PDB file of all heavy atoms in Angstrom:
ATOM      1  N   SER A   1      -2.544 -12.370  -8.010  1.00  0.00           N
ATOM      2  CA  SER A   1      -2.790 -13.756  -8.413  1.00  0.00           C
ATOM      3  C   SER A   1      -1.783 -14.696  -7.740  1.00  0.00           C
ATOM      4  O   SER A   1      -0.680 -14.196  -7.182  1.00  0.00           O
ATOM      5  CB  SER A   1      -2.643 -13.906  -9.957  1.00  0.00           C
ATOM      6  OG  SER A   1      -1.359 -13.563 -10.411  1.00  0.00           O
ATOM      7  N   GLY A   2      -2.003 -15.976  -7.687  1.00  0.00           N
ATOM      8  CA  GLY A   2      -1.114 -16.901  -7.146  1.00  0.00           C
ATOM      9  C   GLY A   2      -1.436 -17.326  -5.758  1.00  0.00           C
ATOM     10  O   GLY A   2      -1.016 -18.398  -5.251  1.00  0.00           O
ATOM     11  N   ALA A   3      -2.168 -16.535  -5.016  1.00  0.00           N
ATOM     12  CA  ALA A   3      -2.598 -16.805  -3.681  1.00  0.00           C
ATOM     13  C   ALA A   3      -3.687 -15.895  -3.215  1.00  0.00           C
ATOM     14  O   ALA A   3      -3.825 -14.769  -3.803  1.00  0.00           O
ATOM     15  CB  ALA A   3      -1.414 -16.673  -2.675  1.00  0.00           C
ATOM     16  N   ALA A   4      -4.511 -16.237  -2.272  1.00  0.00           N
ATOM     17  CA  ALA A   4      -5.550 -15.472  -1.715  1.00  0.00           C
ATOM     18  C   ALA A   4      -4.912 -14.317  -0.990  1.00  0.00           C
ATOM     19  O   ALA A   4      -3.962 -14.523  -0.166  1.00  0.00           O
ATOM     20  CB  ALA A   4      -6.476 -16.255  -0.869  1.00  0.00           C
ATOM     21  N   VAL A   5      -5.429 -13.092  -1.109  1.00  0.00           N
ATOM     22  CA  VAL A   5      -4.888 -11.952  -0.371  1.00  0.00           C
ATOM     23  C   VAL A   5      -5.860 -11.285   0.527  1.00  0.00           C
ATOM     24  O   VAL A   5      -5.686 -10.141   0.898  1.00  0.00           O
ATOM     25  CB  VAL A   5      -4.300 -10.852  -1.437  1.00  0.00           C
ATOM     26  CG1 VAL A   5      -3.134 -11.471  -2.128  1.00  0.00           C
ATOM     27  CG2 VAL A   5      -5.404 -10.432  -2.411  1.00  0.00           C
ATOM     28  N   THR A   6      -6.953 -11.971   0.862  1.00  0.00           N
ATOM     29  CA  THR A   6      -8.025 -11.433   1.615  1.00  0.00           C
ATOM     30  C   THR A   6      -7.500 -10.833   2.990  1.00  0.00           C
ATOM     31  O   THR A   6      -7.946  -9.784   3.364  1.00  0.00           O
ATOM     32  CB  THR A   6      -9.071 -12.428   1.919  1.00  0.00           C
ATOM     33  OG1 THR A   6      -9.551 -12.973   0.698  1.00  0.00           O
ATOM     34  CG2 THR A   6     -10.208 -11.839   2.699  1.00  0.00           C
ATOM     35  N   SER A   7      -6.609 -11.485   3.595  1.00  0.00           N
ATOM     36  CA  SER A   7      -6.124 -11.125   4.911  1.00  0.00           C
ATOM     37  C   SER A   7      -4.817 -10.354   4.889  1.00  0.00           C
ATOM     38  O   SER A   7      -4.234  -9.922   5.899  1.00  0.00           O
ATOM     39  CB  SER A   7      -5.947 -12.332   5.812  1.00  0.00           C
ATOM     40  OG  SER A   7      -4.956 -13.232   5.320  1.00  0.00           O
ATOM     41  N   TYR A   8      -4.271 -10.090   3.687  1.00  0.00           N
ATOM     42  CA  TYR A   8      -3.015  -9.314   3.526  1.00  0.00           C
ATOM     43  C   TYR A   8      -3.270  -7.817   3.701  1.00  0.00           C
ATOM     44  O   TYR A   8      -4.274  -7.270   3.393  1.00  0.00           O
ATOM     45  CB  TYR A   8      -2.454  -9.533   2.168  1.00  0.00           C
ATOM     46  CG  TYR A   8      -1.737 -10.856   1.981  1.00  0.00           C
ATOM     47  CD1 TYR A   8      -2.401 -12.031   2.069  1.00  0.00           C
ATOM     48  CD2 TYR A   8      -0.373 -10.877   1.585  1.00  0.00           C
ATOM     49  CE1 TYR A   8      -1.787 -13.287   1.857  1.00  0.00           C
ATOM     50  CE2 TYR A   8       0.251 -12.152   1.379  1.00  0.00           C
ATOM     51  CZ  TYR A   8      -0.416 -13.275   1.481  1.00  0.00           C
ATOM     52  OH  TYR A   8       0.232 -14.500   1.251  1.00  0.00           O
ATOM     53  N   CYS A   9      -2.187  -7.195   4.253  1.00  0.00           N
ATOM     54  CA  CYS A   9      -2.164  -5.732   4.190  1.00  0.00           C
ATOM     55  C   CYS A   9      -1.654  -5.407   2.794  1.00  0.00           C
ATOM     56  O   CYS A   9      -0.748  -6.040   2.246  1.00  0.00           O
ATOM     57  CB  CYS A   9      -1.180  -5.221   5.173  1.00  0.00           C
ATOM     58  SG  CYS A   9      -0.782  -3.431   4.964  1.00  0.00           S
ATOM     59  N   MET A  10      -2.261  -4.455   2.121  1.00  0.00           N
ATOM     60  CA  MET A  10      -1.793  -3.965   0.820  1.00  0.00           C
ATOM     61  C   MET A  10      -1.567  -2.494   0.851  1.00  0.00           C
ATOM     62  O   MET A  10      -2.168  -1.747   1.651  1.00  0.00           O
ATOM     63  CB  MET A  10      -2.864  -4.352  -0.252  1.00  0.00           C
ATOM     64  CG  MET A  10      -3.089  -5.812  -0.356  1.00  0.00           C
ATOM     65  SD  MET A  10      -3.974  -6.276  -1.846  1.00  0.00           S
ATOM     66  CE  MET A  10      -2.703  -6.177  -3.056  1.00  0.00           C
ATOM     67  N   GLY A  11      -0.701  -2.022  -0.009  1.00  0.00           N
ATOM     68  CA  GLY A  11      -0.361  -0.656  -0.080  1.00  0.00           C
ATOM     69  C   GLY A  11       0.054  -0.097  -1.347  1.00  0.00           C
ATOM     70  O   GLY A  11       0.405  -0.947  -2.284  1.00  0.00           O
ATOM     71  N   TRP A  12       0.070   1.192  -1.505  1.00  0.00           N
ATOM     72  CA  TRP A  12       0.567   1.856  -2.688  1.00  0.00           C
ATOM     73  C   TRP A  12       1.777   2.628  -2.267  1.00  0.00           C
ATOM     74  O   TRP A  12       1.751   3.357  -1.290  1.00  0.00           O
ATOM     75  CB  TRP A  12      -0.495   2.791  -3.299  1.00  0.00           C
ATOM     76  CG  TRP A  12      -1.554   2.064  -3.989  1.00  0.00           C
ATOM     77  CD1 TRP A  12      -2.887   1.897  -3.500  1.00  0.00           C
ATOM     78  CD2 TRP A  12      -1.587   1.499  -5.337  1.00  0.00           C
ATOM     79  NE1 TRP A  12      -3.597   1.166  -4.406  1.00  0.00           N
ATOM     80  CE2 TRP A  12      -2.896   0.982  -5.541  1.00  0.00           C
ATOM     81  CE3 TRP A  12      -0.665   1.453  -6.306  1.00  0.00           C
ATOM     82  CZ2 TRP A  12      -3.200   0.335  -6.736  1.00  0.00           C
ATOM     83  CZ3 TRP A  12      -0.985   0.895  -7.554  1.00  0.00           C
ATOM     84  CH2 TRP A  12      -2.231   0.277  -7.713  1.00  0.00           C
ATOM     85  N   PHE A  13       2.819   2.622  -3.123  1.00  0.00           N
ATOM     86  CA  PHE A  13       4.015   3.401  -2.897  1.00  0.00           C
ATOM     87  C   PHE A  13       4.331   4.123  -4.194  1.00  0.00           C
ATOM     88  O   PHE A  13       3.891   3.720  -5.304  1.00  0.00           O
ATOM     89  CB  PHE A  13       5.233   2.547  -2.521  1.00  0.00           C
ATOM     90  CG  PHE A  13       5.014   1.857  -1.109  1.00  0.00           C
ATOM     91  CD1 PHE A  13       4.200   0.737  -0.993  1.00  0.00           C
ATOM     92  CD2 PHE A  13       5.660   2.412  -0.002  1.00  0.00           C
ATOM     93  CE1 PHE A  13       4.037   0.112   0.257  1.00  0.00           C
ATOM     94  CE2 PHE A  13       5.449   1.794   1.263  1.00  0.00           C
ATOM     95  CZ  PHE A  13       4.646   0.683   1.399  1.00  0.00           C
ATOM     96  N   ARG A  14       5.174   5.139  -4.124  1.00  0.00           N
ATOM     97  CA  ARG A  14       5.565   5.837  -5.366  1.00  0.00           C
ATOM     98  C   ARG A  14       6.987   6.326  -5.265  1.00  0.00           C
ATOM     99  O   ARG A  14       7.495   6.517  -4.130  1.00  0.00           O
ATOM    100  CB  ARG A  14       4.616   7.045  -5.650  1.00  0.00           C
ATOM    101  CG  ARG A  14       4.692   8.138  -4.605  1.00  0.00           C
ATOM    102  CD  ARG A  14       3.639   9.166  -4.937  1.00  0.00           C
ATOM    103  NE  ARG A  14       3.751  10.317  -4.030  1.00  0.00           N
ATOM    104  CZ  ARG A  14       2.880  11.339  -4.081  1.00  0.00           C
ATOM    105  NH1 ARG A  14       1.849  11.325  -4.895  1.00  0.00           N
ATOM    106  NH2 ARG A  14       3.049  12.342  -3.197  1.00  0.00           N
ATOM    107  N   GLN A  15       7.613   6.444  -6.439  1.00  0.00           N
ATOM    108  CA  GLN A  15       9.016   6.880  -6.411  1.00  0.00           C
ATOM    109  C   GLN A  15       9.252   7.760  -7.667  1.00  0.00           C
ATOM    110  O   GLN A  15       9.015   7.370  -8.820  1.00  0.00           O
ATOM    111  CB  GLN A  15       9.959   5.742  -6.474  1.00  0.00           C
ATOM    112  CG  GLN A  15      11.450   6.109  -6.321  1.00  0.00           C
ATOM    113  CD  GLN A  15      12.378   4.969  -6.103  1.00  0.00           C
ATOM    114  OE1 GLN A  15      12.041   3.784  -6.377  1.00  0.00           O
ATOM    115  NE2 GLN A  15      13.511   5.238  -5.472  1.00  0.00           N
ATOM    116  N   ALA A  16       9.680   9.002  -7.400  1.00  0.00           N
ATOM    117  CA  ALA A  16      10.076   9.966  -8.480  1.00  0.00           C
ATOM    118  C   ALA A  16      11.533   9.809  -8.716  1.00  0.00           C
ATOM    119  O   ALA A  16      12.293   9.513  -7.873  1.00  0.00           O
ATOM    120  CB  ALA A  16       9.624  11.316  -8.078  1.00  0.00           C
ATOM    121  N   PRO A  17      11.960  10.258  -9.916  1.00  0.00           N
ATOM    122  CA  PRO A  17      13.397  10.174 -10.203  1.00  0.00           C
ATOM    123  C   PRO A  17      14.198  11.029  -9.233  1.00  0.00           C
ATOM    124  O   PRO A  17      13.796  12.186  -8.896  1.00  0.00           O
ATOM    125  CB  PRO A  17      13.444  10.816 -11.574  1.00  0.00           C
ATOM    126  CG  PRO A  17      12.146  10.500 -12.226  1.00  0.00           C
ATOM    127  CD  PRO A  17      11.176  10.608 -11.092  1.00  0.00           C
ATOM    128  N   GLY A  18      15.274  10.479  -8.649  1.00  0.00           N
ATOM    129  CA  GLY A  18      16.108  11.194  -7.755  1.00  0.00           C
ATOM    130  C   GLY A  18      15.574  11.231  -6.320  1.00  0.00           C
ATOM    131  O   GLY A  18      16.230  11.839  -5.480  1.00  0.00           O
ATOM    132  N   LYS A  19      14.465  10.635  -6.070  1.00  0.00           N
ATOM    133  CA  LYS A  19      13.905  10.668  -4.720  1.00  0.00           C
ATOM    134  C   LYS A  19      13.693   9.258  -4.152  1.00  0.00           C
ATOM    135  O   LYS A  19      13.704   8.287  -4.852  1.00  0.00           O
ATOM    136  CB  LYS A  19      12.545  11.366  -4.755  1.00  0.00           C
ATOM    137  CG  LYS A  19      12.614  12.845  -5.073  1.00  0.00           C
ATOM    138  CD  LYS A  19      11.305  13.552  -4.874  1.00  0.00           C
ATOM    139  CE  LYS A  19      11.412  15.068  -5.127  1.00  0.00           C
ATOM    140  NZ  LYS A  19      10.112  15.711  -4.887  1.00  0.00           N
ATOM    141  N   GLU A  20      13.539   9.182  -2.823  1.00  0.00           N
ATOM    142  CA  GLU A  20      13.313   7.918  -2.188  1.00  0.00           C
ATOM    143  C   GLU A  20      11.890   7.442  -2.395  1.00  0.00           C
ATOM    144  O   GLU A  20      10.952   8.249  -2.603  1.00  0.00           O
ATOM    145  CB  GLU A  20      13.587   8.062  -0.688  1.00  0.00           C
ATOM    146  CG  GLU A  20      14.960   8.437  -0.284  1.00  0.00           C
ATOM    147  CD  GLU A  20      15.953   7.356  -0.590  1.00  0.00           C
ATOM    148  OE1 GLU A  20      15.602   6.178  -0.420  1.00  0.00           O
ATOM    149  OE2 GLU A  20      17.090   7.688  -0.982  1.00  0.00           O
ATOM    150  N   ARG A  21      11.689   6.135  -2.340  1.00  0.00           N
ATOM    151  CA  ARG A  21      10.358   5.584  -2.368  1.00  0.00           C
ATOM    152  C   ARG A  21       9.577   5.961  -1.149  1.00  0.00           C
ATOM    153  O   ARG A  21      10.059   5.889  -0.085  1.00  0.00           O
ATOM    154  CB  ARG A  21      10.401   4.047  -2.530  1.00  0.00           C
ATOM    155  CG  ARG A  21       9.078   3.363  -2.715  1.00  0.00           C
ATOM    156  CD  ARG A  21       9.266   1.918  -3.124  1.00  0.00           C
ATOM    157  NE  ARG A  21       9.927   1.769  -4.378  1.00  0.00           N
ATOM    158  CZ  ARG A  21      10.054   0.606  -5.049  1.00  0.00           C
ATOM    159  NH1 ARG A  21       9.496  -0.508  -4.531  1.00  0.00           N
ATOM    160  NH2 ARG A  21      10.696   0.607  -6.188  1.00  0.00           N
ATOM    161  N   GLU A  22       8.335   6.400  -1.383  1.00  0.00           N
ATOM    162  CA  GLU A  22       7.524   6.862  -0.290  1.00  0.00           C
ATOM    163  C   GLU A  22       6.149   6.087  -0.236  1.00  0.00           C
ATOM    164  O   GLU A  22       5.662   5.824  -1.375  1.00  0.00           O
ATOM    165  CB  GLU A  22       7.334   8.370  -0.260  1.00  0.00           C
ATOM    166  CG  GLU A  22       6.569   8.881  -1.538  1.00  0.00           C
ATOM    167  CD  GLU A  22       6.346  10.367  -1.417  1.00  0.00           C
ATOM    168  OE1 GLU A  22       6.754  11.013  -0.507  1.00  0.00           O
ATOM    169  OE2 GLU A  22       5.685  10.940  -2.388  1.00  0.00           O
ATOM    170  N   GLY A  23       5.588   5.972   0.872  1.00  0.00           N
ATOM    171  CA  GLY A  23       4.271   5.358   1.061  1.00  0.00           C
ATOM    172  C   GLY A  23       3.220   6.302   0.648  1.00  0.00           C
ATOM    173  O   GLY A  23       3.306   7.537   0.864  1.00  0.00           O
ATOM    174  N   VAL A  24       2.151   5.795   0.017  1.00  0.00           N
ATOM    175  CA  VAL A  24       1.024   6.585  -0.404  1.00  0.00           C
ATOM    176  C   VAL A  24      -0.236   6.243   0.418  1.00  0.00           C
ATOM    177  O   VAL A  24      -0.898   7.131   0.953  1.00  0.00           O
ATOM    178  CB  VAL A  24       0.725   6.334  -1.911  1.00  0.00           C
ATOM    179  CG1 VAL A  24      -0.564   7.097  -2.332  1.00  0.00           C
ATOM    180  CG2 VAL A  24       1.869   6.862  -2.793  1.00  0.00           C
ATOM    181  N   SER A  25      -0.545   4.944   0.521  1.00  0.00           N
ATOM    182  CA  SER A  25      -1.686   4.456   1.322  1.00  0.00           C
ATOM    183  C   SER A  25      -1.501   3.036   1.665  1.00  0.00           C
ATOM    184  O   SER A  25      -0.721   2.316   1.173  1.00  0.00           O
ATOM    185  CB  SER A  25      -2.932   4.629   0.451  1.00  0.00           C
ATOM    186  OG  SER A  25      -2.949   3.792  -0.665  1.00  0.00           O
ATOM    187  N   TRP A  26      -2.335   2.630   2.685  1.00  0.00           N
ATOM    188  CA  TRP A  26      -2.271   1.332   3.203  1.00  0.00           C
ATOM    189  C   TRP A  26      -3.717   0.853   3.513  1.00  0.00           C
ATOM    190  O   TRP A  26      -4.530   1.665   4.008  1.00  0.00           O
ATOM    191  CB  TRP A  26      -1.487   1.211   4.516  1.00  0.00           C
ATOM    192  CG  TRP A  26      -0.101   1.731   4.324  1.00  0.00           C
ATOM    193  CD1 TRP A  26       1.023   1.027   4.086  1.00  0.00           C
ATOM    194  CD2 TRP A  26       0.345   3.114   4.390  1.00  0.00           C
ATOM    195  NE1 TRP A  26       2.124   1.815   3.928  1.00  0.00           N
ATOM    196  CE2 TRP A  26       1.716   3.147   4.114  1.00  0.00           C
ATOM    197  CE3 TRP A  26      -0.291   4.323   4.609  1.00  0.00           C
ATOM    198  CZ2 TRP A  26       2.461   4.255   4.099  1.00  0.00           C
ATOM    199  CZ3 TRP A  26       0.441   5.469   4.539  1.00  0.00           C
ATOM    200  CH2 TRP A  26       1.808   5.476   4.327  1.00  0.00           C
ATOM    201  N   ILE A  27      -4.056  -0.428   3.257  1.00  0.00           N
ATOM    202  CA  ILE A  27      -5.361  -0.931   3.510  1.00  0.00           C
ATOM    203  C   ILE A  27      -5.288  -2.322   3.983  1.00  0.00           C
ATOM    204  O   ILE A  27      -4.613  -3.187   3.365  1.00  0.00           O
ATOM    205  CB  ILE A  27      -6.190  -0.730   2.245  1.00  0.00           C
ATOM    206  CG1 ILE A  27      -7.680  -1.203   2.494  1.00  0.00           C
ATOM    207  CG2 ILE A  27      -5.596  -1.485   1.020  1.00  0.00           C
ATOM    208  CD1 ILE A  27      -8.602  -0.811   1.389  1.00  0.00           C
ATOM    209  N   ALA A  28      -6.008  -2.622   5.075  1.00  0.00           N
ATOM    210  CA  ALA A  28      -6.076  -3.985   5.669  1.00  0.00           C
ATOM    211  C   ALA A  28      -7.178  -4.813   5.033  1.00  0.00           C
ATOM    212  O   ALA A  28      -7.935  -4.256   4.186  1.00  0.00           O
ATOM    213  CB  ALA A  28      -6.353  -3.808   7.155  1.00  0.00           C
ATOM    214  N   GLY A  29      -7.196  -6.089   5.326  1.00  0.00           N
ATOM    215  CA  GLY A  29      -8.164  -6.944   4.714  1.00  0.00           C
ATOM    216  C   GLY A  29      -9.585  -6.510   5.037  1.00  0.00           C
ATOM    217  O   GLY A  29     -10.551  -6.776   4.271  1.00  0.00           O
ATOM    218  N   SER A  30      -9.809  -5.854   6.212  1.00  0.00           N
ATOM    219  CA  SER A  30     -11.037  -5.308   6.621  1.00  0.00           C
ATOM    220  C   SER A  30     -11.497  -4.060   5.824  1.00  0.00           C
ATOM    221  O   SER A  30     -12.631  -3.576   5.989  1.00  0.00           O
ATOM    222  CB  SER A  30     -11.095  -4.990   8.076  1.00  0.00           C
ATOM    223  OG  SER A  30     -10.161  -3.992   8.373  1.00  0.00           O
ATOM    224  N   SER A  31     -10.572  -3.536   4.997  1.00  0.00           N
ATOM    225  CA  SER A  31     -10.697  -2.294   4.217  1.00  0.00           C
ATOM    226  C   SER A  31     -10.421  -1.080   5.097  1.00  0.00           C
ATOM    227  O   SER A  31     -10.559   0.107   4.584  1.00  0.00           O
ATOM    228  CB  SER A  31     -12.097  -2.149   3.551  1.00  0.00           C
ATOM    229  OG  SER A  31     -12.235  -3.093   2.488  1.00  0.00           O
ATOM    230  N   ARG A  32     -10.064  -1.261   6.347  1.00  0.00           N
ATOM    231  CA  ARG A  32      -9.590  -0.123   7.160  1.00  0.00           C
ATOM    232  C   ARG A  32      -8.367   0.431   6.498  1.00  0.00           C
ATOM    233  O   ARG A  32      -7.447  -0.336   6.094  1.00  0.00           O
ATOM    234  CB  ARG A  32      -9.244  -0.591   8.581  1.00  0.00           C
ATOM    235  CG  ARG A  32      -8.799   0.551   9.530  1.00  0.00           C
ATOM    236  CD  ARG A  32      -9.973   1.204  10.139  1.00  0.00           C
ATOM    237  NE  ARG A  32      -9.606   2.108  11.185  1.00  0.00           N
ATOM    238  CZ  ARG A  32      -9.316   3.388  10.975  1.00  0.00           C
ATOM    239  NH1 ARG A  32      -9.299   3.922   9.818  1.00  0.00           N
ATOM    240  NH2 ARG A  32      -9.003   4.071  12.031  1.00  0.00           N
ATOM    241  N   ASN A  33      -8.303   1.764   6.315  1.00  0.00           N
ATOM    242  CA  ASN A  33      -7.163   2.262   5.499  1.00  0.00           C
ATOM    243  C   ASN A  33      -6.732   3.674   5.968  1.00  0.00           C
ATOM    244  O   ASN A  33      -7.420   4.366   6.718  1.00  0.00           O
ATOM    245  CB  ASN A  33      -7.617   2.360   3.983  1.00  0.00           C
ATOM    246  CG  ASN A  33      -8.767   3.291   3.719  1.00  0.00           C
ATOM    247  OD1 ASN A  33      -8.513   4.490   3.510  1.00  0.00           O
ATOM    248  ND2 ASN A  33      -9.996   2.745   3.773  1.00  0.00           N
ATOM    249  N   ASP A  34      -5.625   4.044   5.399  1.00  0.00           N
ATOM    250  CA  ASP A  34      -5.075   5.418   5.773  1.00  0.00           C
ATOM    251  C   ASP A  34      -4.208   5.897   4.606  1.00  0.00           C
ATOM    252  O   ASP A  34      -3.808   5.044   3.749  1.00  0.00           O
ATOM    253  CB  ASP A  34      -4.211   5.308   6.995  1.00  0.00           C
ATOM    254  CG  ASP A  34      -3.970   6.676   7.625  1.00  0.00           C
ATOM    255  OD1 ASP A  34      -4.626   7.675   7.237  1.00  0.00           O
ATOM    256  OD2 ASP A  34      -3.151   6.736   8.622  1.00  0.00           O
ATOM    257  N   HIS A  35      -3.981   7.163   4.519  1.00  0.00           N
ATOM    258  CA  HIS A  35      -3.230   7.754   3.419  1.00  0.00           C
ATOM    259  C   HIS A  35      -2.166   8.719   3.985  1.00  0.00           C
ATOM    260  O   HIS A  35      -2.324   9.297   4.995  1.00  0.00           O
ATOM    261  CB  HIS A  35      -4.109   8.575   2.509  1.00  0.00           C
ATOM    262  CG  HIS A  35      -5.115   7.692   1.774  1.00  0.00           C
ATOM    263  ND1 HIS A  35      -6.294   7.273   2.401  1.00  0.00           N
ATOM    264  CD2 HIS A  35      -5.176   7.193   0.540  1.00  0.00           C
ATOM    265  CE1 HIS A  35      -7.000   6.543   1.518  1.00  0.00           C
ATOM    266  NE2 HIS A  35      -6.334   6.415   0.430  1.00  0.00           N
ATOM    267  N   ALA A  36      -1.054   8.774   3.276  1.00  0.00           N
ATOM    268  CA  ALA A  36      -0.038   9.760   3.615  1.00  0.00           C
ATOM    269  C   ALA A  36      -0.523  11.198   3.531  1.00  0.00           C
ATOM    270  O   ALA A  36      -1.430  11.465   2.670  1.00  0.00           O
ATOM    271  CB  ALA A  36       1.185   9.501   2.726  1.00  0.00           C
ATOM    272  N   GLY A  37       0.031  12.008   4.316  1.00  0.00           N
ATOM    273  CA  GLY A  37      -0.330  13.432   4.329  1.00  0.00           C
ATOM    274  C   GLY A  37      -0.479  14.131   3.005  1.00  0.00           C
ATOM    275  O   GLY A  37      -1.496  14.835   2.761  1.00  0.00           O
TER     276      GLY A  37
END
């Protein structure tokens, strides 16, 4: 909310206790996407 995000890249990240934050997935405005191994 607050602004249109149609053209933004969006992603999911996760962080477990005692570990570094890591990327999970990424998706462009076109819906082209990729996921971590």
